[in-house]
């Protein structure tokens, strides 16, 4: 069935599954800034790729939603050992992953990355309070029909990924 035929039957054609680099670059730049200035380590950013599936990249995920001129979410997903090392670096001592302070530190790291990116996206947007999920093989509900782009990162503390699933809001 062609797009014209779909339109004639009342079913709208699906938008192409693509993303704009202008919406990804602010997350790369913010991640570099947060890690180098606030955590004191320089991350190596690998080539962004399209995410397949709804599973988180790693065992610990900080999640922030976007609303306003863009919609969607960003997830900072970390290996548990990486998260432990980064939290210790941020707080100055080791923290048990079951402690509320551990989740708060991951949430704050996610907030700093999302907030820094929001500033440079060139749109008016709001971000939610971060939610932190800890556990192997958790899944994350994302916007359907919108690609999720994974920005793989390697640090001396271990691996993490920034998962960006955003789109421009439809203007009324």
Protein backbone atom coordinates (compact mmCIF):
# COMPACT_ATOMS: atom_id res chain seq x y z
CA UNK A 1 0.00 0.00 0.00
CA UNK A 2 1.41 3.39 -0.95
CA UNK A 3 1.43 6.50 1.20
CA UNK A 4 -1.25 7.97 -1.08
CA UNK A 5 -3.42 4.88 -0.60
CA UNK A 6 -2.92 4.99 3.14
CA UNK A 7 -4.02 8.60 3.21
CA UNK A 8 -7.12 7.77 1.16
CA UNK A 9 -8.10 5.09 3.69
CA UNK A 10 -7.67 7.46 6.59
CA UNK A 11 -4.48 5.90 7.94
CA UNK A 12 -1.73 8.53 8.03
CA UNK A 13 1.63 7.60 6.55
CA UNK A 14 4.34 6.88 9.14
CA UNK A 15 7.14 9.44 9.50
CA UNK A 16 10.60 8.32 8.46
CA UNK A 17 12.78 6.81 11.21
CA UNK A 18 15.59 9.35 11.25
CA UNK A 19 17.14 11.79 13.63
CA UNK A 20 18.78 15.14 13.32
CA UNK A 21 22.37 15.48 14.52
CA UNK A 22 21.49 18.95 15.82
CA UNK A 23 19.37 17.20 18.46
CA UNK A 24 22.14 14.75 19.46
CA UNK A 25 25.21 16.98 19.55
CA UNK A 26 24.03 18.95 22.64
CA UNK A 27 23.87 15.66 24.60
CA UNK A 28 27.41 14.74 23.52
CA UNK A 29 28.73 18.18 24.46
CA UNK A 30 26.89 18.21 27.78
CA UNK A 31 28.19 14.74 28.68
CA UNK A 32 31.75 15.83 27.91
CA UNK A 33 31.33 18.98 30.01
CA UNK A 34 29.68 17.29 33.01
CA UNK A 35 32.25 14.52 33.19
CA UNK A 36 35.32 16.69 32.67
CA UNK A 37 34.30 19.59 34.92
CA UNK A 38 32.20 17.97 37.63
CA UNK A 39 33.40 14.36 37.81
CA UNK A 40 37.00 15.08 36.84
CA UNK A 41 37.31 12.47 34.08
CA UNK A 42 37.25 12.75 30.30
CA UNK A 43 34.85 10.35 28.60
CA UNK A 44 35.57 8.82 25.22
CA UNK A 45 32.48 9.17 23.05
CA UNK A 46 31.92 6.43 20.47
CA UNK A 47 29.86 6.76 17.30
CA UNK A 48 26.13 7.19 18.09
CA UNK A 49 23.92 4.39 16.83
CA UNK A 50 20.26 3.49 16.55
CA UNK A 51 19.00 1.56 19.58
CA UNK A 52 17.17 -1.66 18.98
CA UNK A 53 14.72 -2.91 21.61
CA UNK A 54 13.42 -1.37 24.81
CA UNK A 55 15.98 -2.75 27.24
CA UNK A 56 18.31 -0.33 28.96
CA UNK A 57 21.95 -0.52 27.91
CA UNK A 58 23.11 -1.26 31.45
CA UNK A 59 21.89 -2.04 35.00
CA UNK A 60 21.48 1.51 36.37
CA UNK A 61 19.42 4.14 34.52
CA UNK A 62 18.70 7.77 35.27
CA UNK A 63 15.69 8.92 33.24
CA UNK A 64 14.50 12.47 32.50
CA UNK A 65 11.53 13.47 30.36
CA UNK A 66 11.28 16.50 28.08
CA UNK A 67 8.21 18.61 27.28
CA UNK A 68 7.62 21.90 25.50
CA UNK A 69 8.99 22.38 22.01
CA UNK A 70 10.53 18.91 22.20
CA UNK A 71 9.06 15.72 23.61
CA UNK A 72 10.66 12.50 24.80
CA UNK A 73 13.33 11.41 27.22
CA UNK A 74 17.01 10.95 27.85
CA UNK A 75 18.40 7.99 29.77
CA UNK A 76 21.86 7.84 31.31
CA UNK A 77 22.46 4.10 31.56
CA UNK A 78 25.50 2.82 33.46
CA UNK A 79 27.13 -0.45 34.40
CA UNK A 80 26.62 -0.96 38.15
CA UNK A 81 30.38 -0.86 38.84
CA UNK A 82 30.68 2.32 36.75
CA UNK A 83 27.81 3.89 38.68
CA UNK A 84 29.44 2.98 42.02
CA UNK A 85 32.74 4.60 40.98
CA UNK A 86 31.08 7.74 39.62
CA UNK A 87 28.91 8.17 42.71
CA UNK A 88 32.00 7.78 44.93
CA UNK A 89 33.75 10.42 42.81
CA UNK A 90 30.79 12.81 43.06
CA UNK A 91 30.17 12.32 46.79
CA UNK A 92 33.73 11.79 47.97
CA UNK A 93 33.08 8.31 49.42
CA UNK A 94 31.63 4.96 48.44
CA UNK A 95 27.86 4.64 48.71
CA UNK A 96 25.85 1.43 48.75
CA UNK A 97 23.55 1.14 45.69
CA UNK A 98 20.57 0.54 48.03
CA UNK A 99 21.12 3.92 49.69
CA UNK A 100 18.88 6.84 48.68
CA UNK A 101 22.07 8.88 48.28
CA UNK A 102 23.17 6.54 45.46
CA UNK A 103 19.96 7.12 43.48
CA UNK A 104 20.13 10.86 44.22
CA UNK A 105 23.68 11.06 42.81
CA UNK A 106 22.71 9.16 39.63
CA UNK A 107 19.65 11.40 39.30
CA UNK A 108 21.78 14.51 39.69
CA UNK A 109 24.28 13.28 37.08
CA UNK A 110 21.36 12.67 34.69
CA UNK A 111 19.88 16.08 35.53
CA UNK A 112 23.17 17.86 34.78
CA UNK A 113 23.55 16.11 31.40
CA UNK A 114 19.91 16.71 30.39
CA UNK A 115 19.92 20.29 31.67
CA UNK A 116 23.15 21.13 29.85
CA UNK A 117 21.81 19.66 26.62
CA UNK A 118 18.47 21.47 27.02
CA UNK A 119 20.28 24.79 27.20
CA UNK A 120 21.95 24.14 23.83
CA UNK A 121 19.06 22.56 21.91
CA UNK A 122 17.78 25.98 20.86
CA UNK A 123 14.22 25.24 21.97
CA UNK A 124 12.00 26.04 24.92
CA UNK A 125 11.74 22.85 26.94
CA UNK A 126 11.05 21.63 30.43
CA UNK A 127 12.63 18.61 32.06
CA UNK A 128 11.16 16.32 34.69
CA UNK A 129 12.61 15.32 38.00
CA UNK A 130 14.94 12.37 37.36
CA UNK A 131 13.80 8.83 38.03
CA UNK A 132 16.45 6.19 38.77
CA UNK A 133 16.00 2.49 38.07
CA UNK A 134 18.50 -0.04 39.42
CA UNK A 135 18.34 -3.66 38.31
CA UNK A 136 19.45 -6.00 35.57
CA UNK A 137 17.47 -6.25 32.34
CA UNK A 138 14.98 -3.44 33.01
CA UNK A 139 13.07 -1.96 30.09
CA UNK A 140 12.22 1.65 29.40
CA UNK A 141 9.04 2.82 27.67
CA UNK A 142 9.92 5.30 24.94
CA UNK A 143 8.14 7.34 22.30
CA UNK A 144 6.97 5.02 19.56
CA UNK A 145 7.85 5.88 15.99
CA UNK A 146 10.80 7.98 17.16
CA UNK A 147 14.31 6.57 16.94
CA UNK A 148 16.28 6.17 20.14
CA UNK A 149 19.89 7.13 19.60
CA UNK A 150 22.53 5.57 21.85
CA UNK A 151 25.68 7.58 22.54
CA UNK A 152 28.18 5.01 23.89
CA UNK A 153 30.74 6.39 26.35
CA UNK A 154 33.82 4.88 27.93
CA UNK A 155 35.45 6.38 31.00
CA UNK A 156 38.25 5.26 33.31
CA UNK A 157 35.40 4.36 35.71
CA UNK A 158 33.73 2.10 33.10
CA UNK A 159 31.11 2.19 30.38
CA UNK A 160 27.84 4.07 30.13
CA UNK A 161 25.43 5.17 27.42
CA UNK A 162 23.31 8.23 26.84
CA UNK A 163 20.04 7.15 25.19
CA UNK A 164 18.20 10.02 23.48
CA UNK A 165 14.58 9.55 22.37
CA UNK A 166 13.25 13.02 21.51
CA UNK A 167 11.33 14.72 18.74
CA UNK A 168 10.12 18.22 17.99
CA UNK A 169 6.62 18.88 19.32
CA UNK A 170 3.92 19.45 16.77
CA UNK A 171 3.15 23.16 16.68
CA UNK A 172 -0.51 24.07 16.90
